[in-house]
N, C-alpha and C. Protein backbone atom coordinates (compact mmCIF):
# COMPACT_ATOMS: atom_id res chain seq x y z
N MET A 1 92.28 98.79 -139.88
CA MET A 1 92.31 100.25 -139.85
C MET A 1 92.24 100.79 -138.42
N VAL A 2 91.50 100.12 -137.58
CA VAL A 2 91.37 100.59 -136.20
C VAL A 2 92.72 100.52 -135.49
N MET A 3 93.48 99.46 -135.73
CA MET A 3 94.78 99.31 -135.09
C MET A 3 95.72 100.45 -135.50
N ASN A 4 95.74 100.81 -136.77
CA ASN A 4 96.60 101.91 -137.23
C ASN A 4 96.18 103.23 -136.60
N HIS A 5 94.90 103.43 -136.42
CA HIS A 5 94.40 104.67 -135.81
C HIS A 5 94.89 104.78 -134.36
N GLU A 6 94.87 103.69 -133.62
CA GLU A 6 95.35 103.72 -132.23
C GLU A 6 96.85 103.99 -132.17
N ILE A 7 97.59 103.41 -133.09
CA ILE A 7 99.04 103.64 -133.12
C ILE A 7 99.33 105.11 -133.41
N ILE A 8 98.60 105.69 -134.32
CA ILE A 8 98.81 107.10 -134.68
C ILE A 8 98.50 108.01 -133.49
N ILE A 9 97.51 107.66 -132.68
CA ILE A 9 97.15 108.49 -131.54
C ILE A 9 98.16 108.33 -130.39
N PHE A 10 98.55 107.09 -130.08
CA PHE A 10 99.35 106.86 -128.87
C PHE A 10 100.85 107.02 -129.08
N THR A 11 101.36 106.93 -130.28
CA THR A 11 102.80 107.05 -130.50
C THR A 11 103.34 108.42 -130.08
N PRO A 12 102.74 109.54 -130.44
CA PRO A 12 103.26 110.83 -129.95
C PRO A 12 103.20 110.95 -128.44
N PHE A 13 102.17 110.39 -127.82
CA PHE A 13 102.05 110.46 -126.37
C PHE A 13 103.22 109.74 -125.70
N PHE A 14 103.53 108.52 -126.18
CA PHE A 14 104.64 107.79 -125.59
C PHE A 14 105.97 108.46 -125.90
N ALA A 15 106.12 109.06 -127.06
CA ALA A 15 107.36 109.75 -127.41
C ALA A 15 107.58 110.94 -126.48
N VAL A 16 106.54 111.69 -126.20
CA VAL A 16 106.65 112.84 -125.29
C VAL A 16 106.98 112.36 -123.88
N LEU A 17 106.34 111.28 -123.45
CA LEU A 17 106.60 110.74 -122.12
C LEU A 17 108.05 110.28 -121.97
N ILE A 18 108.55 109.55 -122.94
CA ILE A 18 109.93 109.08 -122.90
C ILE A 18 110.91 110.27 -122.96
N GLY A 19 110.62 111.24 -123.80
CA GLY A 19 111.46 112.43 -123.88
C GLY A 19 111.49 113.19 -122.56
N PHE A 20 110.35 113.29 -121.89
CA PHE A 20 110.29 113.99 -120.60
C PHE A 20 111.12 113.25 -119.56
N ILE A 21 111.05 111.92 -119.56
CA ILE A 21 111.84 111.13 -118.59
C ILE A 21 113.34 111.33 -118.84
N PHE A 22 113.76 111.26 -120.12
CA PHE A 22 115.18 111.47 -120.43
C PHE A 22 115.62 112.88 -120.06
N PHE A 23 114.75 113.87 -120.27
CA PHE A 23 115.09 115.25 -119.93
C PHE A 23 115.31 115.40 -118.43
N ARG A 24 114.44 114.75 -117.63
CA ARG A 24 114.59 114.82 -116.17
C ARG A 24 115.90 114.19 -115.73
N ILE A 25 116.24 113.03 -116.30
CA ILE A 25 117.48 112.35 -115.93
C ILE A 25 118.68 113.20 -116.34
N PHE A 26 118.64 113.77 -117.55
CA PHE A 26 119.75 114.59 -118.03
C PHE A 26 119.91 115.84 -117.17
N LYS A 27 118.80 116.44 -116.75
CA LYS A 27 118.87 117.63 -115.93
C LYS A 27 119.51 117.32 -114.58
N LYS A 28 119.17 116.19 -113.99
CA LYS A 28 119.78 115.82 -112.71
C LYS A 28 121.27 115.56 -112.88
N ARG A 29 121.65 114.85 -113.96
CA ARG A 29 123.06 114.58 -114.18
C ARG A 29 123.83 115.87 -114.44
N LYS A 30 123.22 116.77 -115.17
CA LYS A 30 123.89 118.04 -115.47
C LYS A 30 124.14 118.81 -114.19
N ARG A 31 123.18 118.81 -113.30
CA ARG A 31 123.33 119.53 -112.05
C ARG A 31 124.47 118.92 -111.22
N SER A 32 124.51 117.60 -111.13
CA SER A 32 125.56 116.96 -110.33
C SER A 32 126.93 117.16 -110.98
N ALA A 33 126.98 117.10 -112.31
CA ALA A 33 128.25 117.33 -113.00
C ALA A 33 128.72 118.77 -112.77
N LYS A 34 127.80 119.70 -112.76
CA LYS A 34 128.16 121.09 -112.53
C LYS A 34 128.75 121.26 -111.13
N SER A 35 128.18 120.60 -110.14
CA SER A 35 128.71 120.71 -108.79
C SER A 35 130.09 120.05 -108.70
N ILE A 36 130.29 118.95 -109.43
CA ILE A 36 131.61 118.30 -109.43
C ILE A 36 132.66 119.21 -110.06
N TYR A 37 132.32 119.86 -111.17
CA TYR A 37 133.27 120.78 -111.81
C TYR A 37 133.59 121.96 -110.89
N LYS A 38 132.60 122.43 -110.16
CA LYS A 38 132.83 123.52 -109.22
C LYS A 38 133.78 123.07 -108.12
N LEU A 39 133.58 121.86 -107.62
CA LEU A 39 134.46 121.32 -106.60
C LEU A 39 135.90 121.21 -107.11
N ILE A 40 136.08 120.72 -108.33
CA ILE A 40 137.42 120.60 -108.91
C ILE A 40 138.06 121.97 -109.07
N ASP A 41 137.30 122.95 -109.54
CA ASP A 41 137.84 124.30 -109.68
C ASP A 41 138.26 124.88 -108.33
N ASP A 42 137.45 124.66 -107.31
CA ASP A 42 137.79 125.16 -105.98
C ASP A 42 139.07 124.51 -105.45
N LEU A 43 139.20 123.20 -105.67
CA LEU A 43 140.41 122.52 -105.22
C LEU A 43 141.65 123.00 -105.99
N GLU A 44 141.50 123.24 -107.30
CA GLU A 44 142.62 123.77 -108.08
C GLU A 44 143.05 125.14 -107.57
N LYS A 45 142.09 126.00 -107.28
CA LYS A 45 142.42 127.33 -106.78
C LYS A 45 143.11 127.24 -105.42
N LYS A 46 142.68 126.30 -104.61
CA LYS A 46 143.23 126.19 -103.26
C LYS A 46 144.67 125.64 -103.28
N TYR A 47 144.94 124.63 -104.10
CA TYR A 47 146.21 123.94 -104.03
C TYR A 47 147.20 124.33 -105.11
N ILE A 48 146.74 124.85 -106.25
CA ILE A 48 147.65 125.16 -107.35
C ILE A 48 148.01 126.65 -107.37
N TYR A 49 147.00 127.51 -107.25
CA TYR A 49 147.28 128.94 -107.42
C TYR A 49 147.80 129.61 -106.18
């Protein structure tokens, strides 16, 4: 019973920690992807239009 009690307490903590790490990585990738799309749009405006 003690083992199950520890699992119940620590599982949400690890889930939140892993979710926070993935969120940070996704946020950084989103920012870099946004800058890449902006660069592509600027190049299209410069050379196509």
